[in-house]
Amino acid sequence: MGKPNFSDEFKRDAVAQIIERGYPVVEVSERLGVSQHSLYVWKRQFAQRPEDDAKDGEIRRLKRELAWVTEERDILND
C-alpha cells in the first residue's frame, strides 16, 4: 500500500482549519484521516511569511474602513 498523495488545495484547507479556524491538530487529523505529523509538516510548508501577515492585516483594516465609509455615505444619501 502506497503513501497517499494529497493535493496542495487539500493541504492548504487542512492547515487553514488549524490556523484560521482554530481547530486542534488532533481533531483535524482524526477528521481528515491524516497523521498529525503530516499536518505539522504542511503547516510549516504553507505558513505565511511575516510580511504576508502584515499585508493581510492592512487589507482587513482597509476593508473595514471602506465598509464604514460606504455605510456613512449610504446614511447621508437617504
PDB file of N, CA and C in Angstrom:
ATOM      1  N   MET A   1       0.848  -1.173   0.000  1.00  0.00           N
ATOM      2  CA  MET A   1       0.000   0.000   0.000  1.00  0.00           C
ATOM      3  C   MET A   1       0.891   1.232   0.000  1.00  0.00           C
ATOM      4  N   GLY A   2       0.637   2.146  -0.938  1.00  0.00           N
ATOM      5  CA  GLY A   2       1.475   3.326  -1.085  1.00  0.00           C
ATOM      6  C   GLY A   2       1.046   4.474  -0.196  1.00  0.00           C
ATOM      7  N   LYS A   3       1.875   5.454  -0.182  1.00  0.00           N
ATOM      8  CA  LYS A   3       1.614   6.672   0.588  1.00  0.00           C
ATOM      9  C   LYS A   3       0.576   7.520  -0.156  1.00  0.00           C
ATOM     10  N   PRO A   4      -0.492   7.981   0.522  1.00  0.00           N
ATOM     11  CA  PRO A   4      -1.489   8.799  -0.162  1.00  0.00           C
ATOM     12  C   PRO A   4      -0.871  10.112  -0.647  1.00  0.00           C
ATOM     13  N   ASN A   5      -1.348  10.584  -1.791  1.00  0.00           N
ATOM     14  CA  ASN A   5      -0.849  11.817  -2.359  1.00  0.00           C
ATOM     15  C   ASN A   5      -1.970  12.858  -2.305  1.00  0.00           C
ATOM     16  N   PHE A   6      -1.850  13.819  -1.402  1.00  0.00           N
ATOM     17  CA  PHE A   6      -2.881  14.832  -1.228  1.00  0.00           C
ATOM     18  C   PHE A   6      -2.542  16.064  -2.061  1.00  0.00           C
ATOM     19  N   SER A   7      -3.567  16.705  -2.599  1.00  0.00           N
ATOM     20  CA  SER A   7      -3.356  17.911  -3.406  1.00  0.00           C
ATOM     21  C   SER A   7      -2.962  19.079  -2.498  1.00  0.00           C
ATOM     22  N   ASP A   8      -2.335  20.082  -3.093  1.00  0.00           N
ATOM     23  CA  ASP A   8      -1.971  21.275  -2.328  1.00  0.00           C
ATOM     24  C   ASP A   8      -3.213  21.966  -1.776  1.00  0.00           C
ATOM     25  N   GLU A   9      -4.311  21.925  -2.535  1.00  0.00           N
ATOM     26  CA  GLU A   9      -5.551  22.541  -2.070  1.00  0.00           C
ATOM     27  C   GLU A   9      -6.051  21.848  -0.794  1.00  0.00           C
ATOM     28  N   PHE A  10      -5.993  20.516  -0.778  1.00  0.00           N
ATOM     29  CA  PHE A  10      -6.398  19.752   0.394  1.00  0.00           C
ATOM     30  C   PHE A  10      -5.518  20.116   1.587  1.00  0.00           C
ATOM     31  N   LYS A  11      -4.214  20.190   1.342  1.00  0.00           N
ATOM     32  CA  LYS A  11      -3.268  20.511   2.414  1.00  0.00           C
ATOM     33  C   LYS A  11      -3.508  21.916   2.951  1.00  0.00           C
ATOM     34  N   ARG A  12      -3.710  22.872   2.044  1.00  0.00           N
ATOM     35  CA  ARG A  12      -3.956  24.262   2.481  1.00  0.00           C
ATOM     36  C   ARG A  12      -5.250  24.358   3.294  1.00  0.00           C
ATOM     37  N   ASP A  13      -6.275  23.631   2.873  1.00  0.00           N
ATOM     38  CA  ASP A  13      -7.529  23.649   3.615  1.00  0.00           C
ATOM     39  C   ASP A  13      -7.342  23.046   5.008  1.00  0.00           C
ATOM     40  N   ALA A  14      -6.576  21.967   5.086  1.00  0.00           N
ATOM     41  CA  ALA A  14      -6.311  21.348   6.389  1.00  0.00           C
ATOM     42  C   ALA A  14      -5.565  22.328   7.299  1.00  0.00           C
ATOM     43  N   VAL A  15      -4.579  23.006   6.753  1.00  0.00           N
ATOM     44  CA  VAL A  15      -3.807  23.980   7.531  1.00  0.00           C
ATOM     45  C   VAL A  15      -4.699  25.149   7.947  1.00  0.00           C
ATOM     46  N   ALA A  16      -5.582  25.577   7.044  1.00  0.00           N
ATOM     47  CA  ALA A  16      -6.495  26.680   7.368  1.00  0.00           C
ATOM     48  C   ALA A  16      -7.416  26.318   8.528  1.00  0.00           C
ATOM     49  N   GLN A  17      -7.831  25.059   8.591  1.00  0.00           N
ATOM     50  CA  GLN A  17      -8.678  24.634   9.705  1.00  0.00           C
ATOM     51  C   GLN A  17      -7.952  24.799  11.034  1.00  0.00           C
ATOM     52  N   ILE A  18      -6.651  24.602  11.015  1.00  0.00           N
ATOM     53  CA  ILE A  18      -5.855  24.719  12.238  1.00  0.00           C
ATOM     54  C   ILE A  18      -5.557  26.180  12.557  1.00  0.00           C
ATOM     55  N   ILE A  19      -5.077  26.905  11.568  1.00  0.00           N
ATOM     56  CA  ILE A  19      -4.598  28.270  11.802  1.00  0.00           C
ATOM     57  C   ILE A  19      -5.746  29.272  11.874  1.00  0.00           C
ATOM     58  N   GLU A  20      -6.609  29.259  10.867  1.00  0.00           N
ATOM     59  CA  GLU A  20      -7.645  30.284  10.767  1.00  0.00           C
ATOM     60  C   GLU A  20      -8.881  29.976  11.601  1.00  0.00           C
ATOM     61  N   ARG A  21      -9.270  28.709  11.637  1.00  0.00           N
ATOM     62  CA  ARG A  21     -10.498  28.348  12.344  1.00  0.00           C
ATOM     63  C   ARG A  21     -10.253  27.878  13.758  1.00  0.00           C
ATOM     64  N   GLY A  22      -8.982  27.624  14.090  1.00  0.00           N
ATOM     65  CA  GLY A  22      -8.626  27.297  15.462  1.00  0.00           C
ATOM     66  C   GLY A  22      -8.904  25.878  15.917  1.00  0.00           C
ATOM     67  N   TYR A  23      -9.103  24.956  14.986  1.00  0.00           N
ATOM     68  CA  TYR A  23      -9.326  23.571  15.385  1.00  0.00           C
ATOM     69  C   TYR A  23      -8.012  22.945  15.848  1.00  0.00           C
ATOM     70  N   PRO A  24      -8.058  22.080  16.851  1.00  0.00           N
ATOM     71  CA  PRO A  24      -6.840  21.393  17.303  1.00  0.00           C
ATOM     72  C   PRO A  24      -6.325  20.434  16.231  1.00  0.00           C
ATOM     73  N   VAL A  25      -5.015  20.284  16.176  1.00  0.00           N
ATOM     74  CA  VAL A  25      -4.384  19.394  15.199  1.00  0.00           C
ATOM     75  C   VAL A  25      -4.933  17.973  15.336  1.00  0.00           C
ATOM     76  N   VAL A  26      -5.122  17.514  16.569  1.00  0.00           N
ATOM     77  CA  VAL A  26      -5.624  16.156  16.810  1.00  0.00           C
ATOM     78  C   VAL A  26      -6.993  15.971  16.160  1.00  0.00           C
ATOM     79  N   GLU A  27      -7.875  16.947  16.323  1.00  0.00           N
ATOM     80  CA  GLU A  27      -9.224  16.850  15.772  1.00  0.00           C
ATOM     81  C   GLU A  27      -9.195  16.833  14.243  1.00  0.00           C
ATOM     82  N   VAL A  28      -8.422  17.727  13.641  1.00  0.00           N
ATOM     83  CA  VAL A  28      -8.322  17.785  12.183  1.00  0.00           C
ATOM     84  C   VAL A  28      -7.719  16.490  11.659  1.00  0.00           C
ATOM     85  N   SER A  29      -6.712  15.978  12.348  1.00  0.00           N
ATOM     86  CA  SER A  29      -6.055  14.733  11.962  1.00  0.00           C
ATOM     87  C   SER A  29      -7.060  13.584  11.924  1.00  0.00           C
ATOM     88  N   GLU A  30      -7.848  13.452  12.966  1.00  0.00           N
ATOM     89  CA  GLU A  30      -8.828  12.369  13.039  1.00  0.00           C
ATOM     90  C   GLU A  30      -9.923  12.535  11.985  1.00  0.00           C
ATOM     91  N   ARG A  31     -10.409  13.771  11.820  1.00  0.00           N
ATOM     92  CA  ARG A  31     -11.496  14.021  10.885  1.00  0.00           C
ATOM     93  C   ARG A  31     -11.089  13.764   9.440  1.00  0.00           C
ATOM     94  N   LEU A  32      -9.865  14.163   9.079  1.00  0.00           N
ATOM     95  CA  LEU A  32      -9.413  14.029   7.698  1.00  0.00           C
ATOM     96  C   LEU A  32      -8.683  12.715   7.429  1.00  0.00           C
ATOM     97  N   GLY A  33      -8.360  11.981   8.471  1.00  0.00           N
ATOM     98  CA  GLY A  33      -7.634  10.732   8.292  1.00  0.00           C
ATOM     99  C   GLY A  33      -6.187  10.947   7.875  1.00  0.00           C
ATOM    100  N   VAL A  34      -5.586  11.993   8.431  1.00  0.00           N
ATOM    101  CA  VAL A  34      -4.203  12.359   8.109  1.00  0.00           C
ATOM    102  C   VAL A  34      -3.406  12.338   9.409  1.00  0.00           C
ATOM    103  N   SER A  35      -2.151  11.944   9.333  1.00  0.00           N
ATOM    104  CA  SER A  35      -1.345  11.907  10.553  1.00  0.00           C
ATOM    105  C   SER A  35      -1.076  13.322  11.066  1.00  0.00           C
ATOM    106  N   GLN A  36      -0.917  13.430  12.371  1.00  0.00           N
ATOM    107  CA  GLN A  36      -0.590  14.713  12.971  1.00  0.00           C
ATOM    108  C   GLN A  36       0.742  15.226  12.436  1.00  0.00           C
ATOM    109  N   HIS A  37       1.682  14.293  12.231  1.00  0.00           N
ATOM    110  CA  HIS A  37       2.985  14.680  11.706  1.00  0.00           C
ATOM    111  C   HIS A  37       2.832  15.363  10.340  1.00  0.00           C
ATOM    112  N   SER A  38       1.998  14.806   9.475  1.00  0.00           N
ATOM    113  CA  SER A  38       1.774  15.405   8.159  1.00  0.00           C
ATOM    114  C   SER A  38       1.194  16.808   8.289  1.00  0.00           C
ATOM    115  N   LEU A  39       0.258  16.983   9.204  1.00  0.00           N
ATOM    116  CA  LEU A  39      -0.342  18.302   9.393  1.00  0.00           C
ATOM    117  C   LEU A  39       0.694  19.328   9.842  1.00  0.00           C
ATOM    118  N   TYR A  40       1.580  18.931  10.739  1.00  0.00           N
ATOM    119  CA  TYR A  40       2.618  19.855  11.185  1.00  0.00           C
ATOM    120  C   TYR A  40       3.583  20.198  10.044  1.00  0.00           C
ATOM    121  N   VAL A  41       3.891  19.205   9.210  1.00  0.00           N
ATOM    122  CA  VAL A  41       4.762  19.452   8.056  1.00  0.00           C
ATOM    123  C   VAL A  41       4.071  20.415   7.090  1.00  0.00           C
ATOM    124  N   TRP A  42       2.796  20.176   6.809  1.00  0.00           N
ATOM    125  CA  TRP A  42       2.055  21.057   5.899  1.00  0.00           C
ATOM    126  C   TRP A  42       1.924  22.452   6.480  1.00  0.00           C
ATOM    127  N   LYS A  43       1.743  22.526   7.786  1.00  0.00           N
ATOM    128  CA  LYS A  43       1.618  23.828   8.442  1.00  0.00           C
ATOM    129  C   LYS A  43       2.897  24.630   8.227  1.00  0.00           C
ATOM    130  N   ARG A  44       4.032  23.977   8.389  1.00  0.00           N
ATOM    131  CA  ARG A  44       5.312  24.635   8.154  1.00  0.00           C
ATOM    132  C   ARG A  44       5.463  25.007   6.683  1.00  0.00           C
ATOM    133  N   GLN A  45       5.042  24.108   5.817  1.00  0.00           N
ATOM    134  CA  GLN A  45       5.176  24.304   4.376  1.00  0.00           C
ATOM    135  C   GLN A  45       4.329  25.471   3.878  1.00  0.00           C
ATOM    136  N   PHE A  46       3.111  25.599   4.389  1.00  0.00           N
ATOM    137  CA  PHE A  46       2.184  26.596   3.873  1.00  0.00           C
ATOM    138  C   PHE A  46       1.997  27.796   4.795  1.00  0.00           C
ATOM    139  N   ALA A  47       2.815  27.881   5.824  1.00  0.00           N
ATOM    140  CA  ALA A  47       2.701  29.010   6.751  1.00  0.00           C
ATOM    141  C   ALA A  47       3.017  30.304   6.023  1.00  0.00           C
ATOM    142  N   GLN A  48       2.275  31.325   6.360  1.00  0.00           N
ATOM    143  CA  GLN A  48       2.517  32.620   5.747  1.00  0.00           C
ATOM    144  C   GLN A  48       3.772  33.248   6.320  1.00  0.00           C
ATOM    145  N   ARG A  49       4.428  33.982   5.482  1.00  0.00           N
ATOM    146  CA  ARG A  49       5.600  34.727   5.935  1.00  0.00           C
ATOM    147  C   ARG A  49       5.120  35.974   6.672  1.00  0.00           C
ATOM    148  N   PRO A  50       5.933  36.540   7.581  1.00  0.00           N
ATOM    149  CA  PRO A  50       5.511  37.717   8.351  1.00  0.00           C
ATOM    150  C   PRO A  50       5.054  38.882   7.481  1.00  0.00           C
ATOM    151  N   GLU A  51       5.719  39.128   6.356  1.00  0.00           N
ATOM    152  CA  GLU A  51       5.306  40.241   5.509  1.00  0.00           C
ATOM    153  C   GLU A  51       3.928  39.996   4.911  1.00  0.00           C
ATOM    154  N   ASP A  52       3.578  38.727   4.672  1.00  0.00           N
ATOM    155  CA  ASP A  52       2.239  38.402   4.192  1.00  0.00           C
ATOM    156  C   ASP A  52       1.202  38.702   5.268  1.00  0.00           C
ATOM    157  N   ASP A  53       1.521  38.383   6.517  1.00  0.00           N
ATOM    158  CA  ASP A  53       0.611  38.683   7.621  1.00  0.00           C
ATOM    159  C   ASP A  53       0.364  40.179   7.724  1.00  0.00           C
ATOM    160  N   ALA A  54       1.409  40.978   7.560  1.00  0.00           N
ATOM    161  CA  ALA A  54       1.267  42.430   7.639  1.00  0.00           C
ATOM    162  C   ALA A  54       0.379  42.932   6.502  1.00  0.00           C
ATOM    163  N   LYS A  55       0.573  42.396   5.312  1.00  0.00           N
ATOM    164  CA  LYS A  55      -0.250  42.797   4.172  1.00  0.00           C
ATOM    165  C   LYS A  55      -1.699  42.399   4.395  1.00  0.00           C
ATOM    166  N   ASP A  56      -1.914  41.184   4.899  1.00  0.00           N
ATOM    167  CA  ASP A  56      -3.275  40.724   5.164  1.00  0.00           C
ATOM    168  C   ASP A  56      -3.952  41.602   6.206  1.00  0.00           C
ATOM    169  N   GLY A  57      -3.217  41.978   7.242  1.00  0.00           N
ATOM    170  CA  GLY A  57      -3.764  42.853   8.271  1.00  0.00           C
ATOM    171  C   GLY A  57      -4.150  44.207   7.705  1.00  0.00           C
ATOM    172  N   GLU A  58      -3.311  44.748   6.850  1.00  0.00           N
ATOM    173  CA  GLU A  58      -3.602  46.029   6.218  1.00  0.00           C
ATOM    174  C   GLU A  58      -4.820  45.919   5.314  1.00  0.00           C
ATOM    175  N   ILE A  59      -4.939  44.841   4.585  1.00  0.00           N
ATOM    176  CA  ILE A  59      -6.102  44.634   3.714  1.00  0.00           C
ATOM    177  C   ILE A  59      -7.377  44.542   4.531  1.00  0.00           C
ATOM    178  N   ARG A  60      -7.333  43.789   5.644  1.00  0.00           N
ATOM    179  CA  ARG A  60      -8.511  43.686   6.516  1.00  0.00           C
ATOM    180  C   ARG A  60      -8.896  45.060   7.075  1.00  0.00           C
ATOM    181  N   ARG A  61      -7.894  45.828   7.492  1.00  0.00           N
ATOM    182  CA  ARG A  61      -8.164  47.165   8.038  1.00  0.00           C
ATOM    183  C   ARG A  61      -8.808  48.052   6.985  1.00  0.00           C
ATOM    184  N   LEU A  62      -8.278  48.025   5.771  1.00  0.00           N
ATOM    185  CA  LEU A  62      -8.814  48.857   4.700  1.00  0.00           C
ATOM    186  C   LEU A  62     -10.230  48.432   4.309  1.00  0.00           C
ATOM    187  N   LYS A  63     -10.506  47.131   4.333  1.00  0.00           N
ATOM    188  CA  LYS A  63     -11.861  46.663   4.032  1.00  0.00           C
ATOM    189  C   LYS A  63     -12.853  47.142   5.085  1.00  0.00           C
ATOM    190  N   ARG A  64     -12.439  47.096   6.370  1.00  0.00           N
ATOM    191  CA  ARG A  64     -13.317  47.598   7.440  1.00  0.00           C
ATOM    192  C   ARG A  64     -13.579  49.088   7.253  1.00  0.00           C
ATOM    193  N   GLU A  65     -12.524  49.830   6.937  1.00  0.00           N
ATOM    194  CA  GLU A  65     -12.664  51.269   6.738  1.00  0.00           C
ATOM    195  C   GLU A  65     -13.575  51.562   5.547  1.00  0.00           C
ATOM    196  N   LEU A  66     -13.413  50.817   4.460  1.00  0.00           N
ATOM    197  CA  LEU A  66     -14.260  51.006   3.287  1.00  0.00           C
ATOM    198  C   LEU A  66     -15.720  50.721   3.617  1.00  0.00           C
ATOM    199  N   ALA A  67     -15.969  49.656   4.364  1.00  0.00           N
ATOM    200  CA  ALA A  67     -17.342  49.317   4.749  1.00  0.00           C
ATOM    201  C   ALA A  67     -17.945  50.434   5.595  1.00  0.00           C
ATOM    202  N   TRP A  68     -17.158  50.984   6.503  1.00  0.00           N
ATOM    203  CA  TRP A  68     -17.653  52.067   7.372  1.00  0.00           C
ATOM    204  C   TRP A  68     -17.969  53.303   6.535  1.00  0.00           C
ATOM    205  N   VAL A  69     -17.074  53.686   5.643  1.00  0.00           N
ATOM    206  CA  VAL A  69     -17.278  54.874   4.808  1.00  0.00           C
ATOM    207  C   VAL A  69     -18.481  54.671   3.889  1.00  0.00           C
ATOM    208  N   THR A  70     -18.623  53.477   3.342  1.00  0.00           N
ATOM    209  CA  THR A  70     -19.767  53.182   2.473  1.00  0.00           C
ATOM    210  C   THR A  70     -21.069  53.285   3.247  1.00  0.00           C
ATOM    211  N   GLU A  71     -21.079  52.778   4.469  1.00  0.00           N
ATOM    212  CA  GLU A  71     -22.276  52.872   5.295  1.00  0.00           C
ATOM    213  C   GLU A  71     -22.610  54.323   5.613  1.00  0.00           C
ATOM    214  N   GLU A  72     -21.591  55.100   5.953  1.00  0.00           N
ATOM    215  CA  GLU A  72     -21.807  56.522   6.241  1.00  0.00           C
ATOM    216  C   GLU A  72     -22.374  57.233   5.009  1.00  0.00           C
ATOM    217  N   ARG A  73     -21.824  56.931   3.833  1.00  0.00           N
ATOM    218  CA  ARG A  73     -22.307  57.547   2.599  1.00  0.00           C
ATOM    219  C   ARG A  73     -23.769  57.190   2.359  1.00  0.00           C
ATOM    220  N   ASP A  74     -24.116  55.909   2.570  1.00  0.00           N
ATOM    221  CA  ASP A  74     -25.494  55.473   2.342  1.00  0.00           C
ATOM    222  C   ASP A  74     -26.459  56.147   3.310  1.00  0.00           C
ATOM    223  N   ILE A  75     -26.022  56.352   4.546  1.00  0.00           N
ATOM    224  CA  ILE A  75     -26.876  57.036   5.520  1.00  0.00           C
ATOM    225  C   ILE A  75     -27.117  58.475   5.097  1.00  0.00           C
ATOM    226  N   LEU A  76     -26.074  59.138   4.621  1.00  0.00           N
ATOM    227  CA  LEU A  76     -26.205  60.531   4.200  1.00  0.00           C
ATOM    228  C   LEU A  76     -27.047  60.684   2.928  1.00  0.00           C
ATOM    229  N   ASN A  77     -27.062  59.668   2.090  1.00  0.00           N
ATOM    230  CA  ASN A  77     -27.833  59.735   0.852  1.00  0.00           C
ATOM    231  C   ASN A  77     -29.319  59.470   1.062  1.00  0.00           C
ATOM    232  N   ASP A  78     -29.710  58.936   2.217  1.00  0.00           N
ATOM    233  CA  ASP A  78     -31.126  58.638   2.475  1.00  0.00           C
ATOM    234  C   ASP A  78     -31.898  59.851   2.853  1.00  0.00           C
TER     235      ASP A  78
END
